[in-house]
């Protein structure tokens, strides 16, 4: 299903146009065909600008068509301004990321740079093209306490308290840290690549680490995922964390395939997708990539992927995770059902239904300690009704 199927007709038209433009960045010969199409159509340029900004692809559109004279001057100016702002913000973020990874490495905490920062450096190779809200790194889980101490020395604090001590490390896949100041920065520290307990238990993190490759960030030597692991992560992230929707994430997959597709070991990728119960996420994303973007996936690899068997449990978990407009209660139930061990299920239930008093005070800004007990049933009711 196209991620734009639930949008209005005008949105679908604008989304299709943006895809066509973004593809033109990799194939400049398409520019004339796009120019002719624009001249024939009466485009709602406000819709195009709004969608480009909402989907965070304005810098990429500037690189694709901004200087070709085929869009109105005011829109070209908006795209150029977005690209300049992205370049400045990314330079500051990457410098801070380099500082953090250098300090972590010095403390014996190995790091793999993930998502936007890795894409900007290794795939786009132009920091003005790929917007970033925050930066993401992968560490080994046993180094979490050391990593937290290093980041604290650098001025970072966890954004949220844990429901109970140790709960995040046991049931989540990341902790977000934030540093304030004139240029606030958020760094998300991951020890697993997927947030569902089901996929956390199945993904062999040793493979992701063992196949990682060197990457330089702001003059600091670090690492990124290898091409097969990178593609597996992006497909899983898009399908499981963003319900398959998002032009920027779609373009990341398209661009990664254009950059590393020819050297990708497709047999290995499919083998790992099946071993980690990621067949459906990878199939969903790559089929859409080929159909909507004409991405560089070998036909034989796509046919093998479409024929790849998957477990009943993967199908159930995938359906639960992909359910549109899931309530907090539905998300809790999906995560609970993804945990195989009954003792872990009981601990997971307790930590979510009965968080610590400190967590409750921060989460709900409880004005008086006498009201604390009332906020537990309030939390349960909000979860059942779908509020976050």
Protein backbone atom coordinates (compact mmCIF):
# COMPACT_ATOMS: atom_id res chain seq x y z
CA UNK A 1 0.00 0.00 0.00
CA UNK A 2 1.26 3.45 -0.92
CA UNK A 3 1.81 5.55 2.21
CA UNK A 4 -0.20 8.30 0.55
CA UNK A 5 -3.34 6.16 0.10
CA UNK A 6 -5.05 7.76 3.11
CA UNK A 7 -4.23 11.30 1.92
CA UNK A 8 -6.41 13.58 -0.17
CA UNK A 9 -6.20 13.53 -3.94
CA UNK A 10 -4.24 16.79 -3.93
CA UNK A 11 -1.79 15.39 -1.39
CA UNK A 12 -1.31 12.22 -3.45
CA UNK A 13 -0.66 14.32 -6.54
CA UNK A 14 1.87 16.48 -4.69
CA UNK A 15 3.53 13.41 -3.17
CA UNK A 16 3.87 11.74 -6.58
CA UNK A 17 5.35 14.93 -7.99
CA UNK A 18 7.89 15.17 -5.18
CA UNK A 19 8.95 11.56 -5.73
CA UNK A 20 9.43 12.31 -9.41
CA UNK A 21 11.54 15.36 -8.60
CA UNK A 22 13.64 13.53 -6.04
CA UNK A 23 14.38 10.77 -8.52
CA UNK A 24 15.58 13.45 -10.93
CA UNK A 25 18.44 14.34 -8.58
CA UNK A 26 20.05 10.99 -9.39
CA UNK A 27 19.12 11.23 -13.08
CA UNK A 28 19.40 14.81 -14.43
CA UNK A 29 18.25 13.63 -17.87
CA UNK A 30 14.73 13.46 -16.42
CA UNK A 31 14.66 17.23 -15.89
CA UNK A 32 13.25 18.01 -19.33
CA UNK A 33 10.42 15.50 -18.94
CA UNK A 34 9.59 16.97 -15.53
CA UNK A 35 9.67 20.48 -16.99
CA UNK A 36 7.19 19.45 -19.70
CA UNK A 37 4.91 17.83 -17.13
CA UNK A 38 4.88 20.94 -14.97
CA UNK A 39 4.13 23.15 -17.96
CA UNK A 40 1.15 20.96 -18.88
CA UNK A 41 -0.28 20.84 -15.36
CA UNK A 42 -1.73 23.51 -13.07
CA UNK A 43 0.13 22.63 -9.88
CA UNK A 44 -0.97 23.82 -6.46
CA UNK A 45 2.43 25.16 -5.47
CA UNK A 46 1.34 25.88 -1.90
CA UNK A 47 0.54 22.17 -1.49
CA UNK A 48 3.94 21.23 -2.91
CA UNK A 49 5.77 23.60 -0.56
CA UNK A 50 3.74 22.50 2.48
CA UNK A 51 4.34 18.81 1.79
CA UNK A 52 8.04 19.32 1.07
CA UNK A 53 8.50 21.11 4.39
CA UNK A 54 6.35 18.66 6.35
CA UNK A 55 8.22 15.68 4.88
CA UNK A 56 11.64 17.38 5.36
CA UNK A 57 12.69 16.96 1.73
CA UNK A 58 13.00 20.65 0.79
CA UNK A 59 16.85 20.56 0.73
CA UNK A 60 16.79 17.52 -1.55
CA UNK A 61 14.28 19.21 -3.84
CA UNK A 62 16.56 22.20 -4.11
CA UNK A 63 19.40 19.94 -5.22
CA UNK A 64 17.10 18.19 -7.70
CA UNK A 65 15.19 21.01 -9.38
CA UNK A 66 15.71 24.25 -7.45
CA UNK A 67 18.19 25.71 -9.92
CA UNK A 68 16.51 24.47 -13.12
CA UNK A 69 13.97 27.27 -13.44
CA UNK A 70 10.98 24.94 -13.49
CA UNK A 71 9.42 26.04 -10.19
CA UNK A 72 8.20 29.49 -9.13
CA UNK A 73 10.92 31.80 -7.84
CA UNK A 74 9.39 32.06 -4.37
CA UNK A 75 9.35 28.26 -4.00
CA UNK A 76 12.94 28.02 -5.27
CA UNK A 77 13.90 30.56 -2.58
CA UNK A 78 12.16 28.49 0.13
CA UNK A 79 14.03 25.37 -1.01
CA UNK A 80 17.37 27.19 -1.07
CA UNK A 81 16.80 28.62 2.40
CA UNK A 82 15.91 25.16 3.76
CA UNK A 83 19.10 23.73 2.29
CA UNK A 84 21.27 26.45 3.83
CA UNK A 85 19.61 26.00 7.22
CA UNK A 86 20.11 22.24 7.00
CA UNK A 87 23.81 22.65 6.20
CA UNK A 88 24.33 24.92 9.22
CA UNK A 89 22.37 22.78 11.65
CA UNK A 90 23.98 19.56 10.45
CA UNK A 91 27.48 20.98 10.76
CA UNK A 92 26.80 21.88 14.39
CA UNK A 93 25.18 18.50 15.08
CA UNK A 94 27.99 16.53 13.46
CA UNK A 95 30.65 18.50 15.32
CA UNK A 96 28.87 17.71 18.58
CA UNK A 97 28.46 14.07 17.56
CA UNK A 98 32.19 13.88 16.81
CA UNK A 99 32.92 15.28 20.25
CA UNK A 100 30.64 12.71 21.89
CA UNK A 101 31.91 9.70 19.94
CA UNK A 102 35.51 10.73 20.65
CA UNK A 103 34.79 10.94 24.39
CA UNK A 104 32.90 7.64 24.36
CA UNK A 105 35.72 5.85 22.52
CA UNK A 106 38.26 7.24 24.99
CA UNK A 107 36.17 5.73 27.80
CA UNK A 108 36.13 2.30 26.14
CA UNK A 109 32.61 2.63 24.68
CA UNK A 110 32.63 1.62 20.99
CA UNK A 111 30.07 3.44 18.85
CA UNK A 112 28.26 2.91 15.55
CA UNK A 113 26.67 6.04 14.09
CA UNK A 114 23.12 5.44 12.86
CA UNK A 115 20.44 6.90 10.62
CA UNK A 116 20.66 10.57 9.60
CA UNK A 117 24.28 11.25 10.53
CA UNK A 118 25.53 8.06 8.88
CA UNK A 119 23.39 8.74 5.81
CA UNK A 120 24.57 12.35 5.51
CA UNK A 121 28.24 11.33 5.57
CA UNK A 122 28.31 7.94 3.86
CA UNK A 123 25.38 8.04 1.42
CA UNK A 124 24.45 11.64 0.57
CA UNK A 125 28.00 12.91 1.09
CA UNK A 126 26.66 16.44 1.35
CA UNK A 127 25.53 17.59 4.78
CA UNK A 128 23.17 20.18 3.29
CA UNK A 129 20.86 17.50 1.85
CA UNK A 130 19.75 15.26 4.70
CA UNK A 131 17.97 17.08 7.59
CA UNK A 132 18.48 15.77 11.13
CA UNK A 133 16.42 16.47 14.23
CA UNK A 134 18.81 14.64 16.54
CA UNK A 135 21.69 12.18 16.31
CA UNK A 136 21.61 8.44 16.93
CA UNK A 137 24.37 6.09 18.01
CA UNK A 138 24.53 2.38 18.74
CA UNK A 139 26.49 1.04 21.71
CA UNK A 140 26.89 -2.36 23.33
CA UNK A 141 24.28 -2.77 26.06
CA UNK A 142 26.87 -3.61 28.72
CA UNK A 143 28.48 -0.19 28.16
CA UNK A 144 25.27 1.74 28.87
CA UNK A 145 26.28 2.93 32.34
CA UNK A 146 29.70 4.05 31.09
CA UNK A 147 28.11 5.86 28.16
CA UNK A 148 25.67 7.65 30.47
CA UNK A 149 28.55 8.83 32.68
CA UNK A 150 30.48 10.16 29.68
CA UNK A 151 27.48 12.05 28.33
CA UNK A 152 26.73 13.47 31.76
CA UNK A 153 30.26 14.89 31.89
CA UNK A 154 29.59 16.50 28.50
CA UNK A 155 26.46 18.21 29.83
CA UNK A 156 23.77 15.72 28.74
CA UNK A 157 20.91 14.50 30.91
CA UNK A 158 18.28 11.81 30.19
CA UNK A 159 15.09 13.36 28.82
CA UNK A 160 12.82 11.07 30.84
CA UNK A 161 13.05 9.14 34.05
CA UNK A 162 12.68 5.37 33.95
CA UNK A 163 9.46 3.79 35.12
CA UNK A 164 11.67 1.69 37.44
CA UNK A 165 15.48 1.44 37.68
CA UNK A 166 16.73 -0.84 34.90
CA UNK A 167 13.42 -0.96 33.03
CA UNK A 168 14.69 0.92 29.98
CA UNK A 169 17.70 -1.37 29.57
CA UNK A 170 15.50 -4.45 29.87
CA UNK A 171 12.53 -3.53 27.68
CA UNK A 172 13.49 -0.58 25.50
CA UNK A 173 16.11 -0.08 22.81
CA UNK A 174 17.30 3.46 23.52
CA UNK A 175 17.70 6.34 25.96
CA UNK A 176 17.44 9.92 24.75
CA UNK A 177 19.86 12.44 26.27
CA UNK A 178 19.62 16.20 25.86
CA UNK A 179 22.02 19.08 26.34
CA UNK A 180 20.63 22.60 26.60
CA UNK A 181 22.29 25.89 25.83
CA UNK A 182 22.33 28.14 22.79
CA UNK A 183 22.26 25.08 20.51
CA UNK A 184 20.28 22.29 22.23
CA UNK A 185 21.27 18.81 21.08
CA UNK A 186 19.56 15.46 21.57
CA UNK A 187 21.52 12.24 21.24
CA UNK A 188 19.64 8.94 21.21
CA UNK A 189 21.75 6.10 22.55
CA UNK A 190 20.62 2.70 21.22
CA UNK A 191 21.74 -0.79 22.17
CA UNK A 192 19.19 -2.47 19.88
CA UNK A 193 17.94 -1.26 16.51
CA UNK A 194 14.22 -1.93 16.95
CA UNK A 195 11.89 -0.84 19.73
CA UNK A 196 9.59 -3.87 19.87
CA UNK A 197 10.68 -6.52 22.40
CA UNK A 198 9.86 -9.19 19.81
CA UNK A 199 12.45 -7.90 17.34
CA UNK A 200 14.95 -7.02 20.04
CA UNK A 201 15.02 -10.65 21.10
CA UNK A 202 15.56 -11.90 17.54
CA UNK A 203 18.13 -9.52 16.10
CA UNK A 204 21.69 -10.75 16.65
CA UNK A 205 23.48 -7.52 17.50
CA UNK A 206 26.87 -9.22 17.15
CA UNK A 207 26.25 -9.50 13.40
CA UNK A 208 25.50 -5.77 13.11
CA UNK A 209 28.71 -4.98 15.00
CA UNK A 210 30.89 -7.50 13.19
CA UNK A 211 29.85 -6.23 9.74
CA UNK A 212 30.20 -2.52 10.58
CA UNK A 213 32.71 -0.42 8.63
CA UNK A 214 34.80 2.70 9.40
CA UNK A 215 33.26 6.16 9.11
CA UNK A 216 34.69 9.59 9.89
CA UNK A 217 32.49 12.19 11.61
CA UNK A 218 33.90 15.71 12.04
CA UNK A 219 37.43 14.33 11.87
CA UNK A 220 36.74 11.60 14.43
CA UNK A 221 37.10 7.92 13.47
CA UNK A 222 33.93 5.97 14.21
CA UNK A 223 31.83 3.31 12.45
CA UNK A 224 28.59 2.80 10.53
CA UNK A 225 26.57 -0.28 9.69
CA UNK A 226 27.68 -2.37 6.73
CA UNK A 227 25.54 -2.04 3.59
CA UNK A 228 23.36 -5.13 4.23
CA UNK A 229 22.86 -4.24 7.90
CA UNK A 230 22.23 -0.60 6.98
CA UNK A 231 19.50 -1.56 4.51
CA UNK A 232 17.96 -4.05 6.94
CA UNK A 233 17.84 -1.37 9.63
CA UNK A 234 16.36 1.33 7.37
CA UNK A 235 13.66 -1.05 6.09
CA UNK A 236 12.81 -2.21 9.60
CA UNK A 237 12.83 1.34 10.95
CA UNK A 238 10.56 2.66 8.20
CA UNK A 239 8.09 -0.24 8.33
CA UNK A 240 7.96 -0.78 12.10
CA UNK A 241 8.56 2.69 13.55
CA UNK A 242 6.95 4.87 10.88
CA UNK A 243 4.28 2.51 9.47
CA UNK A 244 6.00 2.64 6.08
CA UNK A 245 5.23 6.34 5.59
CA UNK A 246 7.55 9.29 5.09
CA UNK A 247 9.12 10.67 1.93
CA UNK A 248 12.46 11.36 3.57
CA UNK A 249 12.76 7.81 4.93
CA UNK A 250 11.62 6.41 1.56
CA UNK A 251 14.27 8.49 -0.17
CA UNK A 252 16.91 7.28 2.29
CA UNK A 253 16.22 3.70 1.20
CA UNK A 254 16.23 4.73 -2.47
CA UNK A 255 19.53 6.58 -2.04
CA UNK A 256 21.13 3.76 -0.06
CA UNK A 257 20.21 1.31 -2.81
CA UNK A 258 21.62 3.66 -5.45
CA UNK A 259 24.87 3.96 -3.48
CA UNK A 260 25.45 0.39 -2.26
CA UNK A 261 22.90 -1.73 -4.13
CA UNK A 262 25.36 -3.11 -6.68
CA UNK A 263 27.69 -4.33 -3.93
CA UNK A 264 24.93 -5.67 -1.66
CA UNK A 265 25.03 -9.36 -0.77
CA UNK A 266 21.34 -10.02 -1.32
CA UNK A 267 21.57 -13.64 -0.20
CA UNK A 268 22.95 -12.48 3.14
CA UNK A 269 20.34 -9.76 3.51
CA UNK A 270 17.46 -12.15 2.84
CA UNK A 271 18.96 -14.74 5.16
CA UNK A 272 19.19 -12.21 8.01
CA UNK A 273 15.69 -10.87 7.31
CA UNK A 274 14.32 -14.36 7.81
CA UNK A 275 16.52 -15.15 10.81
CA UNK A 276 15.48 -11.92 12.58
CA UNK A 277 11.78 -12.11 11.64
CA UNK A 278 12.05 -9.02 9.45
CA UNK A 279 10.78 -10.56 6.22
CA UNK A 280 7.57 -8.51 6.10
CA UNK A 281 9.16 -5.13 6.93
CA UNK A 282 11.90 -5.63 4.31
CA UNK A 283 9.44 -6.94 1.71
CA UNK A 284 6.98 -4.08 2.30
CA UNK A 285 9.61 -1.36 2.02
CA UNK A 286 11.59 -2.75 -0.91
CA UNK A 287 8.51 -3.53 -2.99
CA UNK A 288 7.31 0.03 -2.48
CA UNK A 289 10.80 1.30 -3.30
CA UNK A 290 10.74 -0.48 -6.64
CA UNK A 291 7.13 0.39 -7.49
CA UNK A 292 7.15 4.07 -6.44
CA UNK A 293 10.82 4.97 -6.91
CA UNK A 294 12.14 2.48 -9.48
CA UNK A 295 14.84 1.65 -6.92
CA UNK A 296 17.89 -0.43 -7.80
CA UNK A 297 16.77 -3.82 -6.48
CA UNK A 298 17.74 -6.74 -8.74
CA UNK A 299 14.57 -8.49 -10.01
CA UNK A 300 15.88 -11.88 -8.87
CA UNK A 301 16.48 -10.54 -5.35
CA UNK A 302 12.99 -9.00 -5.21
CA UNK A 303 11.42 -12.24 -6.45
CA UNK A 304 13.34 -14.22 -3.82
CA UNK A 305 12.23 -11.76 -1.15
CA UNK A 306 8.58 -12.03 -2.19
CA UNK A 307 8.85 -15.84 -2.02
CA UNK A 308 10.65 -15.84 1.34
CA UNK A 309 8.57 -17.58 4.03
CA UNK A 310 7.86 -15.89 7.34
CA UNK A 311 6.61 -17.17 10.68
CA UNK A 312 3.05 -16.85 11.92
CA UNK A 313 4.32 -14.97 14.94
CA UNK A 314 6.11 -12.42 12.76
CA UNK A 315 2.87 -11.89 10.84
CA UNK A 316 0.88 -11.34 14.05
CA UNK A 317 3.44 -8.92 15.50
CA UNK A 318 3.75 -7.05 12.20
CA UNK A 319 -0.04 -6.65 11.96
CA UNK A 320 -0.23 -5.33 15.53
CA UNK A 321 2.63 -2.87 15.05
CA UNK A 322 1.27 -1.61 11.72
CA UNK A 323 -2.27 -1.09 12.98
CA UNK A 324 -3.18 2.54 12.18
CA UNK A 325 -3.76 4.93 15.09
CA UNK A 326 -2.81 2.41 17.74
CA UNK A 327 -3.78 3.40 21.27
CA UNK A 328 -1.23 3.30 24.09
CA UNK A 329 -3.04 0.21 25.35
CA UNK A 330 -2.69 -1.48 21.97
CA UNK A 331 1.01 -0.63 21.86
CA UNK A 332 1.44 -2.05 25.35
CA UNK A 333 -0.38 -5.25 24.36
CA UNK A 334 1.68 -5.66 21.16
CA UNK A 335 4.92 -5.31 23.12
CA UNK A 336 3.68 -7.66 25.83
CA UNK A 337 2.77 -10.34 23.28
CA UNK A 338 6.21 -9.95 21.71
CA UNK A 339 7.87 -11.10 24.94
CA UNK A 340 8.21 -14.89 25.08
CA UNK A 341 9.21 -15.36 28.73
CA UNK A 342 6.32 -15.17 31.25
CA UNK A 343 8.49 -13.74 34.02
CA UNK A 344 9.59 -10.94 31.73
CA UNK A 345 5.95 -10.37 30.78
CA UNK A 346 5.00 -9.96 34.43
CA UNK A 347 7.86 -7.52 35.06
CA UNK A 348 6.97 -5.61 31.89
CA UNK A 349 3.33 -5.36 33.02
CA UNK A 350 4.33 -4.13 36.47
CA UNK A 351 6.76 -1.51 35.23
CA UNK A 352 4.19 -0.07 32.82
CA UNK A 353 1.08 -0.22 35.00
CA UNK A 354 2.76 0.76 38.27
CA UNK A 355 5.67 3.11 37.50
CA UNK A 356 7.70 4.65 40.29
CA UNK A 357 6.48 7.79 42.05
CA UNK A 358 9.40 9.78 40.60
CA UNK A 359 8.43 8.79 37.07
CA UNK A 360 4.76 9.63 37.67
CA UNK A 361 5.61 13.08 39.04
CA UNK A 362 7.73 13.93 36.01
CA UNK A 363 5.45 12.38 33.42
CA UNK A 364 2.20 13.94 34.65
CA UNK A 365 3.50 17.00 36.52
CA UNK A 366 1.50 16.04 39.60
CA UNK A 367 1.02 19.22 41.65
CA UNK A 368 0.76 17.56 45.08
CA UNK A 369 1.96 14.23 46.52
CA UNK A 370 -1.53 13.46 47.89
CA UNK A 371 -2.79 13.26 44.31
CA UNK A 372 -0.22 10.63 43.27
CA UNK A 373 -2.48 7.61 43.85
CA UNK A 374 -5.21 9.11 41.66
CA UNK A 375 -2.88 9.41 38.69
CA UNK A 376 -2.40 5.65 38.34
CA UNK A 377 -6.01 4.94 37.29
CA UNK A 378 -5.80 8.14 35.21
CA UNK A 379 -2.77 6.65 33.41
CA UNK A 380 -4.61 3.37 32.77
CA UNK A 381 -7.72 5.09 31.44
CA UNK A 382 -5.69 7.31 29.12
CA UNK A 383 -3.92 4.25 27.78
CA UNK A 384 -7.19 2.47 27.11
CA UNK A 385 -8.63 5.54 25.38
CA UNK A 386 -5.58 5.94 23.12
CA UNK A 387 -3.92 9.03 24.63
CA UNK A 388 -0.15 9.02 24.86
